[in-house]
Amino acid sequence: MSRRVWLTLSIVGALCIPVALTASSSAASVTSSPRGASGLPEFSGAPPEIIPIGSSPASIRKAAAKLTAHFSASGATGLPEFSGAPPEIIPIGVSAAAAPDATFMSCVDEPHNGLCLWHDSGYSGTMWFFDQRIYSHNRWHYVGDAANDKASSLYNKRVNGTLISKNMPPTSPDQVCVVEQGAYNNLANNSWPDGSSANDSISGFNLLDNLPNC
């Protein structure tokens, strides 16, 4: 099939003469081909490595290898999340939809990021805040006697995942990963991998810093 394009050539002191140019539909499709402006394919087989201008190929590969090393079939940590109600993802600086502002904002208003645990569901009651500047990353910490087996809601106010454990020191299989900015309004609606309730049971935490997600 062909299409006709009319161009008007204006010549000073002469009449305007319409000129018809014919272009085949196949030729027209070349310019909009997903292959690119040239319409030519790339090498078949292994795809090219895309290296930003100014970057070293070796450094790019090293960074990619380091990142890939942390991933497994079930995620970066290889650990599950709490089963049951999914977490609400709350951008840092924003209040949770189901939370009373007075209590949830006490976590949001902390000048630094970290893990917030609340004694009661709905992000209410006593709040315990574990500042990521104070607690070392990529290692387990005890929540302390005051908070041990007391948390009924939580918010991972961080841009990285945080591990939570039922026991301290942590035991298998009762360790889960809370995604960055993930919040659980009522841990009574969630369970550990062994099937026991997540409510009033958290004893340890681990602030990851090598990956954003679980």
Protein backbone atom coordinates (compact mmCIF):
# COMPACT_ATOMS: atom_id res chain seq x y z
CA MET A 1 0.00 0.00 0.00
CA SER A 2 1.31 3.48 -0.73
CA ARG A 3 0.44 6.88 0.57
CA ARG A 4 0.58 10.22 -1.20
CA VAL A 5 2.10 13.30 0.40
CA TRP A 6 1.39 16.70 -1.16
CA LEU A 7 4.07 19.35 -0.98
CA THR A 8 3.60 22.91 -2.18
CA LEU A 9 6.59 24.47 -3.90
CA SER A 10 6.54 28.22 -3.91
CA ILE A 11 8.48 29.88 -6.70
CA VAL A 12 8.87 33.63 -6.68
CA GLY A 13 6.94 35.17 -9.49
CA ALA A 14 5.31 31.85 -10.46
CA LEU A 15 2.29 29.80 -9.62
CA CYS A 16 2.23 27.42 -6.67
CA ILE A 17 2.67 23.94 -8.08
CA PRO A 18 1.50 20.93 -6.05
CA VAL A 19 3.93 18.02 -6.28
CA ALA A 20 2.94 14.51 -5.23
CA LEU A 21 5.55 12.26 -3.60
CA THR A 22 4.79 8.58 -3.17
CA ALA A 23 6.26 6.58 -0.27
CA SER A 24 5.57 2.94 0.38
CA SER A 25 4.19 1.95 3.79
CA SER A 26 7.15 -0.39 4.30
CA ALA A 27 9.61 2.46 3.77
CA ALA A 28 7.66 4.65 6.19
CA SER A 29 7.73 1.97 8.83
CA VAL A 30 11.52 1.89 8.82
CA THR A 31 11.80 5.27 10.48
CA SER A 32 9.53 4.20 13.33
CA SER A 33 11.01 0.73 13.69
CA PRO A 34 11.91 -0.34 17.24
CA ARG A 35 15.33 -1.29 15.87
CA GLY A 36 16.29 2.35 15.80
CA ALA A 37 16.74 5.19 13.33
CA SER A 38 18.85 3.14 10.94
CA GLY A 39 16.40 0.25 10.70
CA LEU A 40 19.37 -2.13 10.97
CA PRO A 41 19.61 -4.95 13.51
CA GLU A 42 22.33 -5.31 16.12
CA PHE A 43 24.58 -8.35 16.46
CA SER A 44 22.61 -11.44 17.39
CA GLY A 45 23.59 -13.43 20.45
CA ALA A 46 24.87 -11.87 23.68
CA PRO A 47 23.48 -8.33 24.18
CA PRO A 48 25.88 -5.39 24.45
CA GLU A 49 27.05 -4.13 27.81
CA ILE A 50 25.75 -0.58 28.30
CA ILE A 51 28.45 1.52 29.97
CA PRO A 52 27.67 5.13 30.96
CA ILE A 53 30.11 7.65 29.50
CA GLY A 54 32.95 8.19 31.93
CA SER A 55 32.48 4.86 33.70
CA SER A 56 34.96 2.02 33.78
CA PRO A 57 33.65 -1.31 32.40
CA ALA A 58 35.50 -3.12 35.18
CA SER A 59 33.89 -1.03 37.92
CA ILE A 60 30.44 -1.52 36.39
CA ARG A 61 30.89 -5.29 36.32
CA LYS A 62 32.24 -5.32 39.88
CA ALA A 63 29.24 -3.37 41.17
CA ALA A 64 26.83 -5.62 39.29
CA ALA A 65 28.49 -8.74 40.65
CA LYS A 66 28.33 -7.41 44.22
CA LEU A 67 24.64 -6.62 43.83
CA THR A 68 23.79 -9.98 42.25
CA ALA A 69 25.60 -11.85 45.01
CA HIS A 70 23.00 -10.72 47.54
CA PHE A 71 20.01 -11.95 45.58
CA SER A 72 18.33 -15.34 45.85
CA ALA A 73 15.16 -16.85 44.43
CA SER A 74 13.10 -15.37 47.27
CA GLY A 75 14.69 -11.95 47.36
CA ALA A 76 17.85 -10.12 48.32
CA THR A 77 18.08 -11.66 51.79
CA GLY A 78 16.55 -15.02 50.99
CA LEU A 79 14.14 -14.42 53.90
CA PRO A 80 10.35 -14.12 53.67
CA GLU A 81 8.20 -11.26 54.88
CA PHE A 82 5.52 -11.71 57.53
CA SER A 83 2.66 -13.80 56.16
CA GLY A 84 -0.86 -12.43 56.34
CA ALA A 85 -1.75 -8.79 55.75
CA PRO A 86 0.76 -7.12 53.39
CA PRO A 87 2.68 -4.06 54.62
CA GLU A 88 1.54 -0.58 53.73
CA ILE A 89 4.26 1.27 51.84
CA ILE A 90 4.52 4.75 53.33
CA PRO A 91 6.91 7.28 51.78
CA ILE A 92 9.24 8.77 54.36
CA GLY A 93 7.74 11.98 55.71
CA VAL A 94 4.12 10.92 55.12
CA SER A 95 1.61 9.71 57.69
CA ALA A 96 -0.03 6.30 57.40
CA ALA A 97 -3.64 6.32 56.24
CA ALA A 98 -4.82 4.18 59.17
CA ALA A 99 -2.77 5.94 61.83
CA PRO A 100 -3.71 8.69 64.27
CA ASP A 101 -1.47 11.59 63.30
CA ALA A 102 -0.42 12.21 66.89
CA THR A 103 1.20 8.79 67.23
CA PHE A 104 2.46 7.94 63.75
CA MET A 105 3.90 11.41 63.25
CA SER A 106 6.07 10.88 66.32
CA CYS A 107 8.01 8.45 64.11
CA VAL A 108 7.78 10.55 60.95
CA ASP A 109 9.06 13.61 62.80
CA GLU A 110 12.22 11.86 63.98
CA PRO A 111 15.05 13.82 62.31
CA HIS A 112 16.76 10.61 61.18
CA ASN A 113 15.59 7.32 59.74
CA GLY A 114 15.30 4.05 61.58
CA LEU A 115 12.87 1.41 62.83
CA CYS A 116 9.76 2.38 64.80
CA LEU A 117 7.89 -0.10 67.00
CA TRP A 118 4.66 0.65 68.86
CA HIS A 119 3.20 -1.07 71.89
CA ASP A 120 -0.32 -1.05 70.44
CA SER A 121 -1.86 -1.64 67.04
CA GLY A 122 -2.66 1.36 64.86
CA TYR A 123 0.79 2.85 65.53
CA SER A 124 -0.30 3.94 69.01
CA GLY A 125 0.85 3.64 72.60
CA THR A 126 4.50 3.70 73.59
CA MET A 127 6.86 4.03 70.63
CA TRP A 128 10.41 2.69 70.50
CA PHE A 129 12.70 4.23 67.88
CA PHE A 130 15.92 2.56 66.75
CA ASP A 131 17.96 5.26 65.02
CA GLN A 132 20.01 3.90 62.11
CA ARG A 133 22.84 6.31 62.97
CA ILE A 134 23.26 4.73 66.39
CA TYR A 135 22.82 1.03 65.68
CA SER A 136 25.41 -0.62 63.46
CA HIS A 137 24.18 -2.02 60.16
CA ASN A 138 24.15 -5.61 58.92
CA ARG A 139 24.22 -7.10 62.41
CA TRP A 140 21.57 -8.18 64.90
CA HIS A 141 20.51 -6.05 67.86
CA TYR A 142 18.24 -6.77 70.82
CA VAL A 143 15.23 -4.43 71.05
CA GLY A 144 15.76 -4.12 74.78
CA ASP A 145 13.81 -5.35 77.77
CA ALA A 146 11.21 -2.58 77.54
CA ALA A 147 10.24 -3.42 73.95
CA ASN A 148 10.90 -7.17 73.97
CA ASP A 149 7.77 -9.13 72.98
CA LYS A 150 5.71 -5.94 73.21
CA ALA A 151 5.37 -4.56 69.64
CA SER A 152 1.95 -4.64 67.97
CA SER A 153 2.70 -2.36 65.00
CA LEU A 154 5.82 -1.17 63.22
CA TYR A 155 7.17 1.08 60.49
CA ASN A 156 10.51 0.59 58.75
CA LYS A 157 11.25 4.27 58.19
CA ARG A 158 14.27 3.57 56.01
CA VAL A 159 15.33 3.35 52.36
CA ASN A 160 16.72 -0.14 53.04
CA GLY A 161 15.18 -3.37 54.20
CA THR A 162 15.25 -4.31 57.89
CA LEU A 163 15.33 -7.84 59.29
CA ILE A 164 13.11 -8.70 62.27
CA SER A 165 13.47 -11.75 64.49
CA LYS A 166 11.18 -13.52 66.93
CA ASN A 167 14.09 -14.46 69.18
CA MET A 168 17.39 -12.87 70.11
CA PRO A 169 19.81 -14.27 69.13
CA PRO A 170 17.70 -14.98 66.03
CA THR A 171 16.71 -18.55 65.29
CA SER A 172 15.55 -20.21 62.09
CA PRO A 173 12.99 -20.03 60.61
CA ASP A 174 11.61 -17.08 62.55
CA GLN A 175 13.34 -14.22 60.80
CA VAL A 176 11.57 -11.98 58.29
CA CYS A 177 12.49 -9.00 56.14
CA VAL A 178 10.49 -5.77 56.23
CA VAL A 179 10.76 -3.82 52.98
CA GLU A 180 11.89 -0.22 52.96
CA GLN A 181 9.10 2.11 54.12
CA GLY A 182 6.96 -0.92 54.95
CA ALA A 183 4.49 -0.58 57.83
CA TYR A 184 2.31 -3.12 59.63
CA ASN A 185 -0.71 -1.56 61.29
CA ASN A 186 -1.64 -4.60 63.37
CA LEU A 187 0.81 -7.46 63.77
CA ALA A 188 -2.00 -9.66 65.08
CA ASN A 189 -2.90 -10.01 61.39
CA ASN A 190 0.51 -11.45 60.56
CA SER A 191 2.50 -14.58 61.30
CA TRP A 192 6.10 -15.76 61.49
CA PRO A 193 7.29 -18.50 59.13
CA ASP A 194 6.54 -21.09 61.85
CA GLY A 195 2.90 -20.00 61.84
CA SER A 196 2.91 -18.28 65.24
CA SER A 197 1.49 -14.78 65.66
CA ALA A 198 3.78 -11.84 64.99
CA ASN A 199 1.99 -9.81 67.65
CA ASP A 200 3.90 -9.08 70.88
CA SER A 201 6.81 -11.23 69.75
CA ILE A 202 9.61 -9.14 68.19
CA SER A 203 12.96 -9.41 69.96
CA GLY A 204 15.66 -8.50 67.43
CA PHE A 205 16.32 -6.35 64.39
CA ASN A 206 19.03 -5.95 61.76
CA LEU A 207 19.34 -2.71 59.78
CA LEU A 208 20.47 -3.69 56.28
CA ASP A 209 22.35 -1.11 54.25
CA ASN A 210 23.54 -2.99 51.15
CA LEU A 211 20.23 -3.23 49.30
CA PRO A 212 17.01 -1.21 49.22
CA ASN A 213 14.64 -4.17 49.06
CA CYS A 214 14.09 -7.45 50.82
